[in-house]
Protein backbone atom coordinates (compact mmCIF):
# COMPACT_ATOMS: atom_id res chain seq x y z
CA MET A 1 9.30 16.09 -21.21
CA VAL A 2 11.93 16.54 -18.48
CA ASN A 3 9.59 18.78 -16.47
CA PHE A 4 6.74 16.27 -16.83
CA TYR A 5 8.82 13.37 -15.51
CA SER A 6 10.37 15.43 -12.72
CA TYR A 7 6.79 16.29 -11.65
CA ILE A 8 5.87 12.57 -11.66
CA TYR A 9 8.79 11.73 -9.39
CA LEU A 10 8.04 14.62 -7.01
CA ASN A 11 4.41 13.52 -6.75
CA ILE A 12 5.35 9.85 -6.27
CA GLN A 13 7.83 10.80 -3.56
CA ASP A 14 5.04 12.45 -1.51
CA LEU A 15 2.69 9.50 -2.04
CA ALA A 16 5.36 6.97 -1.01
CA ILE A 17 6.31 8.83 2.19
CA ASP A 18 2.66 9.37 3.18
CA ALA A 19 1.73 5.70 2.55
CA THR A 20 4.71 4.17 4.38
CA GLN A 21 4.30 6.49 7.38
CA THR A 22 0.62 5.51 7.58
CA VAL A 23 1.29 1.75 7.83
CA GLY A 24 4.39 2.03 10.06
CA VAL A 25 4.01 0.24 13.41
CA ASP A 26 6.16 0.91 16.50
CA LEU A 27 7.55 -2.34 17.91
CA GLY A 28 9.24 -0.62 20.87
CA GLN A 29 12.95 -0.12 21.65
CA GLY A 30 13.20 2.24 18.69
CA LEU A 31 12.17 -0.43 16.15
CA ARG A 32 9.49 0.09 13.48
CA GLU A 33 7.83 -2.40 11.15
CA VAL A 34 6.55 -1.28 7.73
CA ASP A 35 4.87 -4.02 5.67
CA ILE A 36 4.27 -2.36 2.31
CA LYS A 37 3.32 -5.63 0.62
CA LYS A 38 0.45 -6.59 2.95
CA TYR A 39 -0.96 -3.26 4.05
CA ILE A 40 -0.47 -0.87 1.09
CA LYS A 41 -2.68 -1.57 -1.93
CA VAL A 42 -2.15 0.31 -5.19
CA GLU A 43 -5.36 0.81 -7.17
CA LYS A 44 -4.86 1.98 -10.77
CA VAL A 45 -7.93 3.67 -12.28
CA PRO A 46 -7.48 5.03 -15.83
CA GLY A 47 -8.87 8.51 -16.40
CA GLY A 48 -8.39 11.83 -14.67
CA GLN A 49 -5.11 13.64 -14.06
CA LEU A 50 -1.95 12.41 -12.39
CA GLU A 51 -2.44 15.17 -9.79
CA ASP A 52 -5.65 13.39 -8.68
CA SER A 53 -3.57 10.49 -7.28
CA LYS A 54 -3.72 10.33 -3.49
CA VAL A 55 -3.21 8.18 -0.41
CA LEU A 56 -6.51 7.14 1.19
CA LYS A 57 -6.48 6.80 4.98
CA GLY A 58 -8.29 3.50 4.71
CA VAL A 59 -9.24 0.92 2.10
CA MET A 60 -10.73 1.03 -1.39
CA ILE A 61 -12.07 -2.15 -3.00
CA ASN A 62 -13.57 -2.80 -6.42
CA LYS A 63 -16.99 -3.84 -5.05
CA ASP A 64 -20.54 -2.55 -4.75
CA VAL A 65 -23.10 -3.38 -2.04
CA VAL A 66 -25.06 -6.61 -2.66
CA ALA A 67 -28.44 -4.89 -3.15
CA PRO A 68 -27.80 -1.34 -4.45
CA GLY A 69 -31.48 -0.33 -4.39
CA LYS A 70 -32.10 -1.46 -0.81
CA MET A 71 -28.79 -0.93 0.96
CA LYS A 72 -27.18 2.38 1.89
CA ARG A 73 -24.17 3.44 -0.15
CA LYS A 74 -22.97 6.09 2.30
CA ILE A 75 -22.61 5.62 6.06
CA VAL A 76 -20.81 8.00 8.45
CA ASN A 77 -18.90 6.34 11.32
CA PRO A 78 -20.01 2.81 10.37
CA ARG A 79 -19.89 -0.20 12.70
CA ILE A 80 -18.16 -2.86 10.61
CA ILE A 81 -18.30 -6.64 10.99
CA LEU A 82 -15.85 -8.76 8.96
CA LEU A 83 -16.61 -12.42 8.27
CA ASP A 84 -14.75 -15.35 6.77
CA CYS A 85 -17.81 -17.58 6.35
CA PRO A 86 -20.75 -17.86 3.92
CA LEU A 87 -24.13 -16.38 4.82
CA GLU A 88 -26.05 -18.96 2.84
CA TYR A 89 -27.41 -22.47 3.28
CA LYS A 90 -24.59 -25.02 3.49
CA LYS A 91 -24.41 -27.41 0.60
CA GLY A 92 -23.43 -31.02 1.29
CA GLU A 93 -19.77 -31.78 0.64
CA ASN A 94 -20.75 -34.86 -1.37
CA GLN A 95 -23.83 -35.39 -3.49
CA THR A 96 -26.82 -35.13 -1.14
CA ASN A 97 -30.05 -37.01 -1.77
CA ALA A 98 -33.35 -36.10 -0.11
CA GLU A 99 -36.42 -38.28 -0.46
CA LEU A 100 -39.66 -36.35 -0.26
CA VAL A 101 -42.73 -38.49 0.46
CA LYS A 102 -45.33 -35.76 0.92
CA GLU A 103 -45.79 -32.36 -0.69
CA GLU A 104 -45.40 -30.72 2.72
CA ASP A 105 -41.85 -32.13 3.05
CA TRP A 106 -40.61 -29.65 0.46
CA GLU A 107 -41.99 -26.79 2.54
CA VAL A 108 -40.25 -28.23 5.62
CA LEU A 109 -36.91 -28.24 3.77
CA LEU A 110 -37.35 -24.63 2.66
CA LYS A 111 -38.42 -23.65 6.19
CA MET A 112 -35.29 -25.25 7.65
CA GLU A 113 -33.14 -23.30 5.19
CA GLU A 114 -34.90 -20.04 6.04
CA GLU A 115 -34.58 -20.61 9.78
CA TYR A 116 -30.87 -21.42 9.48
CA ILE A 117 -30.11 -18.23 7.52
CA GLU A 118 -32.34 -16.15 9.81
CA SER A 119 -30.50 -17.42 12.88
CA LEU A 120 -27.14 -16.50 11.24
CA CYS A 121 -28.39 -12.99 10.47
CA LEU A 122 -29.86 -12.50 13.97
CA GLN A 123 -26.50 -13.43 15.52
CA ILE A 124 -24.92 -10.67 13.42
CA LEU A 125 -27.72 -8.10 13.83
CA LYS A 126 -27.67 -8.20 17.65
CA PHE A 127 -24.37 -6.27 17.47
CA LYS A 128 -26.10 -3.47 15.46
CA PRO A 129 -23.63 -3.29 12.53
CA ASP A 130 -23.93 -0.80 9.67
CA LEU A 131 -21.73 -2.78 7.27
CA VAL A 132 -21.11 -6.52 6.94
CA VAL A 133 -18.21 -7.70 4.76
CA THR A 134 -17.73 -11.39 4.01
CA GLU A 135 -15.09 -13.23 2.01
CA LYS A 136 -17.62 -15.89 0.99
CA GLY A 137 -21.12 -15.92 -0.55
CA LEU A 138 -24.24 -14.17 0.72
CA SER A 139 -27.66 -15.57 -0.27
CA ASP A 140 -30.68 -13.57 -1.40
CA LEU A 141 -32.45 -14.48 1.83
CA ALA A 142 -29.60 -13.20 3.99
CA CYS A 143 -29.52 -10.08 1.83
CA HIS A 144 -33.24 -9.59 2.57
CA TYR A 145 -32.80 -9.88 6.36
CA LEU A 146 -29.78 -7.54 6.39
CA SER A 147 -31.33 -4.89 4.12
CA LYS A 148 -34.56 -5.04 6.19
CA ALA A 149 -32.46 -4.14 9.26
CA GLY A 150 -30.79 -1.26 7.37
CA VAL A 151 -27.42 -3.01 7.09
CA SER A 152 -25.24 -2.75 3.96
CA ALA A 153 -23.32 -5.84 2.86
CA ILE A 154 -20.40 -6.65 0.55
CA ARG A 155 -19.59 -10.24 -0.44
CA ARG A 156 -16.74 -12.23 -1.98
CA VAL A 157 -14.02 -9.84 -0.84
CA ARG A 158 -10.41 -11.00 -1.24
CA LYS A 159 -8.64 -12.24 1.89
CA THR A 160 -5.92 -9.60 1.46
CA ASP A 161 -8.51 -6.80 1.19
CA ASN A 162 -10.35 -8.10 4.26
CA ASN A 163 -7.08 -8.04 6.23
CA ARG A 164 -6.53 -4.42 5.17
CA ILE A 165 -10.06 -3.43 6.22
CA ALA A 166 -9.43 -5.08 9.61
CA LYS A 167 -6.18 -3.12 10.06
CA ALA A 168 -7.77 0.17 8.99
CA SER A 169 -11.06 -0.04 10.92
CA GLY A 170 -9.95 -1.97 14.02
CA ALA A 171 -12.33 -4.88 13.29
CA VAL A 172 -11.48 -8.56 13.82
CA ILE A 173 -12.21 -11.14 11.10
CA VAL A 174 -14.59 -13.76 12.55
CA ASN A 175 -14.96 -17.31 11.20
CA ARG A 176 -18.45 -18.05 12.60
CA PRO A 177 -21.26 -15.60 13.44
CA ASP A 178 -21.93 -17.31 16.79
CA GLU A 179 -18.37 -16.42 17.87
CA LEU A 180 -18.94 -12.67 17.40
CA GLN A 181 -18.13 -10.34 20.30
CA GLU A 182 -18.51 -6.59 20.73
CA SER A 183 -14.72 -6.20 20.60
CA ASP A 184 -14.73 -7.70 17.05
CA VAL A 185 -16.80 -4.81 15.66
CA GLY A 186 -14.71 -2.18 13.86
CA THR A 187 -15.51 1.42 14.83
CA GLY A 188 -12.35 3.14 13.61
CA ALA A 189 -13.61 4.12 10.13
CA GLY A 190 -15.03 7.60 9.61
CA LEU A 191 -16.88 6.97 6.34
CA PHE A 192 -18.16 4.13 4.18
CA GLU A 193 -19.10 5.20 0.67
CA VAL A 194 -19.63 3.57 -2.73
CA LYS A 195 -18.60 5.71 -5.70
CA LYS A 196 -18.65 5.12 -9.42
CA ILE A 197 -15.32 5.85 -11.10
CA GLY A 198 -15.45 5.38 -14.85
CA ASP A 199 -17.55 2.27 -15.52
CA GLU A 200 -16.97 0.53 -12.19
CA PHE A 201 -18.14 0.89 -8.61
CA PHE A 202 -15.63 1.17 -5.77
CA ALA A 203 -16.32 0.87 -2.04
CA PHE A 204 -14.34 3.28 0.17
CA ILE A 205 -13.79 2.70 3.90
CA VAL A 206 -11.83 5.85 4.69
CA ASP A 207 -11.14 8.66 7.22
CA CYS A 208 -9.98 6.03 9.71
CA LYS A 209 -8.78 7.22 13.14
CA ASP A 210 -5.52 5.28 13.26
CA PRO A 211 -5.25 3.29 10.03
CA LYS A 212 -2.43 0.78 9.82
CA ALA A 213 -3.41 0.00 6.21
CA CYS A 214 -3.99 2.31 3.28
CA THR A 215 -4.73 2.42 -0.43
CA VAL A 216 -2.84 4.50 -2.98
CA LEU A 217 -5.26 5.61 -5.69
CA LEU A 218 -3.42 6.29 -8.95
CA ARG A 219 -5.14 8.22 -11.74
CA GLY A 220 -3.74 8.80 -15.19
CA ALA A 221 -4.48 9.02 -18.88
CA SER A 222 -3.72 5.41 -19.83
CA LYS A 223 -2.91 1.97 -18.42
CA ASP A 224 0.67 2.17 -19.71
CA LEU A 225 1.29 5.42 -17.84
CA LEU A 226 -0.26 3.99 -14.65
CA ASN A 227 1.90 0.86 -14.87
CA GLU A 228 5.02 3.01 -15.18
CA VAL A 229 3.95 5.19 -12.25
CA GLU A 230 3.24 2.10 -10.13
CA ARG A 231 6.71 0.67 -10.79
CA ASN A 232 8.29 3.94 -9.68
CA LEU A 233 5.98 4.11 -6.65
CA GLN A 234 7.00 0.60 -5.51
CA ASP A 235 10.68 1.61 -5.68
CA ALA A 236 9.96 4.84 -3.78
CA MET A 237 8.00 3.00 -1.07
CA SER A 238 10.84 0.50 -0.61
CA VAL A 239 13.28 3.38 -0.10
CA ALA A 240 10.89 5.16 2.31
CA ARG A 241 10.41 1.89 4.25
CA ASN A 242 14.17 1.42 4.61
CA ILE A 243 14.57 4.99 5.90
CA ILE A 244 11.74 4.55 8.44
CA LYS A 245 13.16 1.22 9.69
CA ASN A 246 16.77 2.44 9.78
CA PRO A 247 16.91 6.26 9.66
CA LYS A 248 20.48 6.63 8.41
CA LEU A 249 21.39 8.20 5.07
CA VAL A 250 24.52 8.80 3.04
CA PRO A 251 24.98 11.81 0.74
CA GLY A 252 24.06 11.37 -2.92
CA GLY A 253 25.43 12.95 -6.07
CA GLY A 254 28.47 10.64 -5.99
CA ALA A 255 29.79 12.24 -2.77
CA THR A 256 29.91 8.95 -0.83
CA GLU A 257 31.65 7.06 -3.65
CA LEU A 258 34.23 9.84 -4.10
CA THR A 259 35.01 9.88 -0.36
CA VAL A 260 35.54 6.10 -0.33
CA SER A 261 37.64 6.35 -3.50
CA ALA A 262 39.85 9.11 -2.02
CA THR A 263 40.34 7.10 1.20
CA LEU A 264 41.35 3.98 -0.78
CA LYS A 265 43.85 6.00 -2.86
CA GLN A 266 45.31 7.44 0.33
CA LYS A 267 45.62 3.94 1.80
CA SER A 268 47.26 2.57 -1.38
CA SER A 269 50.07 5.11 -1.11
CA SER A 270 51.08 3.60 2.24
CA VAL A 271 51.11 0.03 0.85
CA GLU A 272 54.19 -1.23 -0.95
CA GLY A 273 54.54 -3.62 -3.85
CA ILE A 274 51.85 -5.55 -5.68
CA GLU A 275 49.37 -5.31 -2.77
CA LYS A 276 48.57 -1.68 -3.57
CA TRP A 277 46.95 -2.60 -6.92
CA PRO A 278 43.61 -3.89 -5.47
CA TYR A 279 43.25 -0.59 -3.54
CA GLU A 280 43.78 1.44 -6.71
CA ALA A 281 41.41 -0.78 -8.74
CA ALA A 282 38.65 -0.46 -6.13
CA ALA A 283 39.21 3.32 -5.93
CA LEU A 284 38.82 3.56 -9.71
CA ALA A 285 35.64 1.39 -9.63
CA PHE A 286 33.95 3.69 -7.09
CA GLU A 287 34.47 6.64 -9.43
CA ALA A 288 32.06 5.05 -11.95
CA ILE A 289 28.98 6.51 -10.17
CA PRO A 290 30.00 10.22 -10.18
CA ARG A 291 31.45 9.79 -13.70
CA THR A 292 28.13 8.40 -14.98
CA LEU A 293 26.25 11.26 -13.27
CA ALA A 294 28.51 13.79 -14.98
CA GLN A 295 27.95 12.12 -18.38
CA ASN A 296 24.16 12.16 -17.87
CA CYS A 297 24.23 15.85 -16.99
CA GLY A 298 26.09 16.68 -20.20
CA VAL A 299 29.01 18.49 -18.50
CA ASN A 300 32.73 18.13 -19.26
CA VAL A 301 33.42 14.79 -17.54
CA ILE A 302 37.24 15.06 -17.25
CA ARG A 303 37.16 18.63 -15.86
CA THR A 304 34.35 17.86 -13.42
CA MET A 305 35.93 14.60 -12.15
CA THR A 306 39.32 16.28 -11.72
CA ALA A 307 37.74 19.09 -9.67
CA LEU A 308 35.80 16.61 -7.51
CA GLN A 309 38.81 14.35 -6.95
CA GLY A 310 40.88 17.37 -5.88
CA LYS A 311 38.29 18.50 -3.34
CA HIS A 312 37.93 15.01 -1.84
CA ALA A 313 41.69 14.29 -1.86
CA SER A 314 42.30 17.43 0.23
CA GLY A 315 39.52 16.38 2.63
CA GLU A 316 37.87 19.77 2.09
CA ASN A 317 34.23 18.57 2.33
CA ALA A 318 32.99 14.96 2.20
CA TRP A 319 29.51 16.18 1.09
CA ILE A 320 30.73 17.63 -2.23
CA GLY A 321 29.09 15.92 -5.23
CA ILE A 322 27.33 16.54 -8.56
CA ASP A 323 23.88 18.11 -8.77
CA GLY A 324 22.04 15.67 -11.07
CA SER A 325 19.76 18.41 -12.48
CA THR A 326 22.30 21.12 -13.34
CA GLY A 327 25.63 19.25 -13.39
CA ALA A 328 27.12 21.78 -10.95
CA ILE A 329 29.55 20.77 -8.18
CA ALA A 330 27.64 21.43 -4.97
CA ASP A 331 27.29 20.54 -1.29
CA MET A 332 24.83 17.64 -1.14
CA LYS A 333 23.87 18.54 2.44
CA GLU A 334 22.62 21.96 1.32
CA ARG A 335 20.82 20.44 -1.71
CA LYS A 336 19.33 17.71 0.54
CA VAL A 337 20.41 14.94 -1.83
């Protein structure tokens, strides 16, 4: 069981570092911004082995193309257009009444609807996209015009997913088709593909040139295991983000706490009277971390703590701490803890 969990943590550590480095953005003057909440999505798919978990250099969404039989499910180097508007006939905001006097009036209404949707599609198609993604609806008629032009389409995508696709592919989300420009088309993705995993279809926009958004695909035997792995992954990504933003570390294994404790004890000896008590109390409180580590390792706590306190009191090596796996007193710098 110990080996299994240690493997989980090793695997998660690699995933967390890879994901956070992918979405890191240089702000200049040595500053970096890593938004793990907006630009890293964790997709949990039951089935497969834990080793199959990976960081995708792009985005994965739980969607299929609108017309699977007519639209391509695999496109290399796709031109992507992202929309935040419906590709269907606008309904009236309030109840709309239309009085039809002649039979031909019904045909005129249908014709107007067709022409409106055709004009929307033509405005999109003049930029020669391979994939159109919209956050809103997409009518059967629009689907017909797009599939006829060899364009794949995905509809009703979440706003957060659309933002990630924009970051990964270099596309710009457009609110109206008539506002489209060539610079809004995303060309940074290397592959668009729809795959079936288990019972569901997933769309992959991956192999991006310089993705500033990514998806962590977690595989595992059950939902409970995946939930546990995700919780650990979130913690690991938060740690990795902090290191990327402020690359300064302190030694682990209780070494830092023991150094602080030894310094406080040394200071208390130079203070007279009642004022020395807070120093001694704080020094004792800091020893709780290495003491707990020693207890968890199953070693002799008193002997180990005495040895550690002696080494830190003499100022021999500030990196001396407890190896959490073996319980041995070791140099944390050498163990990279």
